[in-house]
Amino acid sequence: MPERSSGPLAPHRRASWVVALLVGLLAFTITLQWRQVDQTEDFSGVRGAELAELLKSLDATNARLTEQIATIRDMRPDVAALNMGTMNYSKYSQKRKAFDFDMIFPNTYGKILKLLTAMNEAGVKPELECFDTGHTHGVWPLLDMGALKPPLQFSFIVNVLGGIPAHVESLQLQTKIMPAGSEWEVIGISHGHWRMMAAALALGGNVRTGLEDHLYLPSGEMAKSNGELVDVLVRMVRDVGRTPASVEQAREILSLGSKAP
């Protein structure tokens, strides 16, 4: 939900954003099912069946990355999610004293550049999803290469185990690291979602909500739809003296240009 630094915010679930979100979800689905394999890695201690399975997984990964690139080129959304770094991606249950899941979310520069090349060729603006400060700082080689072009759009994801915590100080640090003149929003996962929306509004950032990020209203009641969550967030925006943007204003904020009729 973009908004100007001094003002407007736009409803996030427009058609173009929904497509961008689907691209991001596709990326996440891919990364759940493989690990990066260095071709120089020593497999001498791996049994034949295990190695065959490993190579099959790598082949499937390359096929899915090709699929994802094809989706970007075919659908040409206004904006598409681009994850900016590799990390542990886990969920821990304090009640059970065990991990619900525990995985590596691999996003090498090689993978990022392939996706970014497809986005540039298709005229798609990358939404730079950063789960930690190293991801934000790590954009500079891409800028130096000319693969990324300002103005940039950052999404700072907080409260994923393995990433940066849901603290106001986390957003303050991320916004100091990002290149000057960039737009940014916070994506608050699960508990602390509404607190982080308030923090972003106070710091002059943009905000987003939806069932992908959080299932509950501030009252603790489970939301029945994305619309219920959006209604709460729009009210918060107005309560702090900021104004929701129109679709055209949002496109201007994100440097997307006017939409063809």
Protein backbone atom coordinates (compact mmCIF):
# COMPACT_ATOMS: atom_id res chain seq x y z
CA MET A 1 0.00 0.00 0.00
CA PRO A 2 2.16 2.88 -1.22
CA GLU A 3 1.93 6.38 0.14
CA ARG A 4 3.90 9.55 -0.22
CA SER A 5 6.50 10.36 2.43
CA SER A 6 4.27 13.16 3.64
CA GLY A 7 0.98 11.67 2.54
CA PRO A 8 -0.79 9.24 0.28
CA LEU A 9 -1.15 5.50 0.59
CA ALA A 10 -2.72 3.27 -2.04
CA PRO A 11 -4.74 0.06 -1.72
CA HIS A 12 -2.22 -2.73 -2.39
CA ARG A 13 -4.39 -5.46 -3.88
CA ARG A 14 -4.94 -4.00 -7.36
CA ALA A 15 -4.83 -6.39 -10.30
CA SER A 16 -1.23 -5.54 -11.20
CA TRP A 17 -0.12 -6.07 -7.58
CA VAL A 18 -1.94 -9.39 -7.38
CA VAL A 19 0.05 -10.62 -10.38
CA ALA A 20 3.26 -9.38 -8.79
CA LEU A 21 2.35 -11.24 -5.62
CA LEU A 22 1.77 -14.44 -7.57
CA VAL A 23 5.27 -14.16 -9.02
CA GLY A 24 6.66 -13.77 -5.52
CA LEU A 25 4.70 -16.76 -4.27
CA LEU A 26 6.02 -18.82 -7.15
CA ALA A 27 9.56 -17.94 -6.14
CA PHE A 28 8.88 -19.00 -2.57
CA THR A 29 7.37 -22.31 -3.68
CA ILE A 30 10.45 -23.06 -5.76
CA THR A 31 12.85 -22.40 -2.94
CA LEU A 32 11.09 -24.76 -0.58
CA GLN A 33 12.09 -27.74 -2.70
CA TRP A 34 15.79 -27.43 -3.39
CA ARG A 35 19.18 -26.35 -2.18
CA GLN A 36 21.90 -24.62 -4.18
CA VAL A 37 24.60 -27.08 -5.32
CA ASP A 38 28.12 -25.87 -6.03
CA GLN A 39 29.54 -27.80 -8.98
CA THR A 40 32.90 -27.97 -7.19
CA GLU A 41 31.32 -29.68 -4.15
CA ASP A 42 32.84 -33.06 -3.21
CA PHE A 43 30.18 -35.78 -3.57
CA SER A 44 32.58 -38.69 -2.95
CA GLY A 45 30.83 -39.66 0.27
CA VAL A 46 27.32 -39.53 -1.19
CA ARG A 47 25.67 -42.80 -2.17
CA GLY A 48 24.54 -43.19 -5.79
CA ALA A 49 20.82 -42.99 -5.01
CA GLU A 50 21.32 -39.85 -2.91
CA LEU A 51 23.39 -38.17 -5.61
CA ALA A 52 20.80 -39.04 -8.25
CA GLU A 53 18.08 -37.48 -6.07
CA LEU A 54 20.22 -34.40 -5.50
CA LEU A 55 20.85 -33.90 -9.20
CA LYS A 56 17.18 -34.50 -9.98
CA SER A 57 16.30 -31.77 -7.48
CA LEU A 58 18.78 -29.40 -9.13
CA ASP A 59 17.34 -30.12 -12.59
CA ALA A 60 13.83 -29.44 -11.27
CA THR A 61 15.03 -26.16 -9.75
CA ASN A 62 16.51 -24.95 -13.03
CA ALA A 63 13.29 -25.88 -14.83
CA ARG A 64 11.21 -23.97 -12.29
CA LEU A 65 13.43 -20.90 -12.51
CA THR A 66 12.95 -21.02 -16.28
CA GLU A 67 9.21 -21.28 -15.65
CA GLN A 68 9.27 -18.28 -13.37
CA ILE A 69 11.19 -16.20 -15.92
CA ALA A 70 8.67 -17.23 -18.59
CA THR A 71 5.82 -16.09 -16.31
CA ILE A 72 7.41 -12.66 -15.89
CA ARG A 73 7.84 -12.30 -19.66
CA ASP A 74 4.37 -13.57 -20.50
CA MET A 75 2.34 -11.74 -17.84
CA ARG A 76 4.41 -8.52 -17.63
CA PRO A 77 3.05 -7.32 -14.27
CA ASP A 78 3.77 -3.73 -13.23
CA VAL A 79 5.76 -4.95 -10.23
CA ALA A 80 7.28 -8.32 -9.30
CA ALA A 81 8.87 -9.50 -6.07
CA LEU A 82 12.64 -10.04 -6.13
CA ASN A 83 14.17 -11.66 -3.04
CA MET A 84 17.54 -10.11 -2.32
CA GLY A 85 19.50 -12.69 -0.36
CA THR A 86 19.93 -16.20 0.99
CA MET A 87 18.87 -16.95 4.59
CA ASN A 88 17.66 -19.51 7.08
CA TYR A 89 13.85 -19.55 6.84
CA SER A 90 12.29 -21.29 9.82
CA LYS A 91 9.35 -21.39 12.20
CA TYR A 92 9.74 -22.50 15.80
CA SER A 93 7.05 -23.66 18.23
CA GLN A 94 7.79 -22.62 21.81
CA LYS A 95 4.95 -24.84 22.99
CA ARG A 96 6.35 -27.99 21.35
CA LYS A 97 10.03 -26.95 21.70
CA ALA A 98 10.53 -27.92 18.06
CA PHE A 99 10.71 -26.37 14.59
CA ASP A 100 7.56 -26.47 12.47
CA PHE A 101 9.86 -26.12 9.46
CA ASP A 102 13.53 -25.35 8.99
CA MET A 103 15.00 -24.62 5.57
CA ILE A 104 17.41 -22.52 3.56
CA PHE A 105 15.89 -19.87 1.29
CA PRO A 106 18.54 -19.57 -1.45
CA ASN A 107 18.80 -16.42 -3.53
CA THR A 108 22.28 -16.12 -5.05
CA TYR A 109 23.35 -13.16 -7.16
CA GLY A 110 23.27 -15.48 -10.17
CA LYS A 111 19.60 -16.26 -9.59
CA ILE A 112 18.78 -12.64 -8.80
CA LEU A 113 20.45 -11.45 -12.02
CA LYS A 114 18.52 -13.95 -14.15
CA LEU A 115 15.21 -12.78 -12.70
CA LEU A 116 16.24 -9.13 -12.85
CA THR A 117 17.26 -9.45 -16.50
CA ALA A 118 13.83 -10.89 -17.31
CA MET A 119 12.13 -8.06 -15.40
CA ASN A 120 14.16 -5.38 -17.18
CA GLU A 121 13.43 -6.88 -20.59
CA ALA A 122 9.69 -7.10 -19.79
CA GLY A 123 9.47 -3.59 -18.33
CA VAL A 124 8.64 -4.92 -14.84
CA LYS A 125 9.71 -2.97 -11.75
CA PRO A 126 11.40 -5.16 -9.11
CA GLU A 127 10.08 -5.01 -5.57
CA LEU A 128 13.26 -5.64 -3.57
CA GLU A 129 12.28 -7.97 -0.72
CA CYS A 130 14.84 -7.69 2.08
CA PHE A 131 14.61 -9.94 5.14
CA ASP A 132 17.75 -8.54 6.76
CA THR A 133 20.21 -5.66 6.58
CA GLY A 134 22.71 -7.58 4.43
CA HIS A 135 20.03 -7.99 1.76
CA THR A 136 19.50 -4.22 1.68
CA HIS A 137 23.19 -3.39 1.62
CA GLY A 138 23.74 -6.09 -1.01
CA VAL A 139 21.95 -4.17 -3.78
CA TRP A 140 25.00 -2.00 -4.47
CA PRO A 141 26.77 -4.39 -6.91
CA LEU A 142 23.55 -4.62 -8.93
CA LEU A 143 23.38 -0.83 -9.07
CA ASP A 144 27.06 -0.66 -10.02
CA MET A 145 26.46 -3.13 -12.87
CA GLY A 146 23.47 -1.13 -14.10
CA ALA A 147 21.16 -4.13 -13.60
CA LEU A 148 19.16 -2.17 -11.01
CA LYS A 149 18.10 1.36 -11.84
CA PRO A 150 16.88 4.00 -9.35
CA PRO A 151 14.45 4.90 -8.00
CA LEU A 152 14.24 1.63 -6.07
CA GLN A 153 11.28 0.06 -4.25
CA PHE A 154 12.13 -1.87 -1.07
CA SER A 155 9.96 -4.18 1.01
CA PHE A 156 11.40 -4.75 4.47
CA ILE A 157 10.11 -8.08 5.78
CA VAL A 158 10.26 -8.42 9.57
CA ASN A 159 9.58 -11.21 12.07
CA VAL A 160 10.65 -14.20 9.95
CA LEU A 161 12.91 -16.48 11.98
CA GLY A 162 16.30 -16.16 10.33
CA GLY A 163 15.68 -12.53 9.36
CA ILE A 164 15.50 -9.18 11.09
CA PRO A 165 13.20 -8.89 14.17
CA ALA A 166 10.01 -6.82 14.32
CA HIS A 167 11.49 -3.80 16.08
CA VAL A 168 11.18 -0.12 15.25
CA GLU A 169 14.98 0.00 15.29
CA SER A 170 15.04 -2.60 12.51
CA LEU A 171 13.16 -0.26 10.18
CA GLN A 172 15.29 2.70 11.21
CA LEU A 173 18.46 0.78 10.33
CA GLN A 174 17.10 -0.57 7.04
CA THR A 175 16.08 2.90 5.87
CA LYS A 176 19.55 4.24 6.71
CA ILE A 177 21.18 1.50 4.61
CA MET A 178 18.95 1.76 1.53
CA PRO A 179 20.05 4.19 -1.22
CA ALA A 180 18.76 7.74 -0.86
CA GLY A 181 15.59 8.49 -2.78
CA SER A 182 14.20 4.94 -2.53
CA GLU A 183 10.59 4.12 -1.67
CA TRP A 184 9.96 1.53 1.05
CA GLU A 185 7.26 -0.42 2.82
CA VAL A 186 7.18 -2.82 5.73
CA ILE A 187 5.82 -6.36 5.56
CA GLY A 188 5.04 -7.47 9.11
CA ILE A 189 4.69 -11.23 9.40
CA SER A 190 2.37 -12.69 12.05
CA HIS A 191 2.51 -11.27 15.58
CA GLY A 192 3.55 -7.65 15.73
CA HIS A 193 2.02 -6.97 12.31
CA TRP A 194 -0.07 -4.00 13.41
CA ARG A 195 2.68 -2.56 15.59
CA MET A 196 5.02 -2.55 12.59
CA MET A 197 2.38 -0.91 10.40
CA ALA A 198 2.17 1.90 12.96
CA ALA A 199 5.98 2.18 13.10
CA ALA A 200 6.25 2.48 9.31
CA LEU A 201 3.57 5.15 9.23
CA ALA A 202 5.40 7.14 11.91
CA LEU A 203 8.71 6.80 10.03
CA GLY A 204 7.25 8.00 6.73
CA GLY A 205 7.15 4.62 4.99
CA ASN A 206 4.48 2.73 3.09
CA VAL A 207 2.43 -0.14 4.49
CA ARG A 208 0.90 -3.40 3.33
CA THR A 209 -1.48 -5.92 4.84
CA GLY A 210 -3.25 -9.08 3.78
CA LEU A 211 -3.84 -12.69 4.76
CA GLU A 212 -0.47 -13.68 3.33
CA ASP A 213 1.15 -11.65 6.14
CA HIS A 214 -1.25 -11.90 9.09
CA LEU A 215 -4.55 -13.62 9.82
CA TYR A 216 -5.92 -11.51 12.66
CA LEU A 217 -7.50 -8.12 13.23
CA PRO A 218 -6.06 -5.92 16.03
CA SER A 219 -8.85 -7.20 18.30
CA GLY A 220 -7.50 -10.74 17.99
CA GLU A 221 -10.46 -11.87 15.90
CA MET A 222 -9.55 -13.82 12.76
CA ALA A 223 -10.05 -11.74 9.61
CA LYS A 224 -12.66 -12.98 7.16
CA SER A 225 -10.99 -11.36 4.12
CA ASN A 226 -8.15 -9.17 2.90
CA GLY A 227 -10.70 -6.35 2.77
CA GLU A 228 -11.20 -6.38 6.54
CA LEU A 229 -7.46 -6.01 7.08
CA VAL A 230 -7.21 -3.23 4.49
CA ASP A 231 -10.07 -1.31 6.15
CA VAL A 232 -8.18 -1.32 9.45
CA LEU A 233 -4.96 -0.17 7.81
CA VAL A 234 -6.63 2.65 5.87
CA ARG A 235 -8.15 3.86 9.14
CA MET A 236 -4.69 3.80 10.77
CA VAL A 237 -3.28 5.83 7.88
CA ARG A 238 -5.95 8.49 8.30
CA ASP A 239 -5.63 8.47 12.10
CA VAL A 240 -1.98 9.54 11.86
CA GLY A 241 -2.84 12.35 9.43
CA ARG A 242 -1.82 10.69 6.19
CA THR A 243 -4.03 10.30 3.13
CA PRO A 244 -4.67 7.22 0.98
CA ALA A 245 -3.43 7.73 -2.58
CA SER A 246 -5.39 7.17 -5.73
CA VAL A 247 -4.26 4.48 -8.14
CA GLU A 248 -2.61 7.08 -10.39
CA GLN A 249 -0.87 8.69 -7.42
CA ALA A 250 0.40 5.28 -6.35
CA ARG A 251 1.75 4.63 -9.85
CA GLU A 252 3.55 7.98 -9.72
CA ILE A 253 5.02 7.21 -6.28
CA LEU A 254 6.34 3.88 -7.55
CA SER A 255 7.61 5.45 -10.81
CA LEU A 256 5.43 3.15 -12.92
CA GLY A 257 4.12 5.75 -15.35
CA SER A 258 0.52 5.96 -16.50
CA LYS A 259 -1.41 2.79 -17.20
CA ALA A 260 -2.52 2.36 -20.79
CA PRO A 261 -6.34 2.20 -21.09
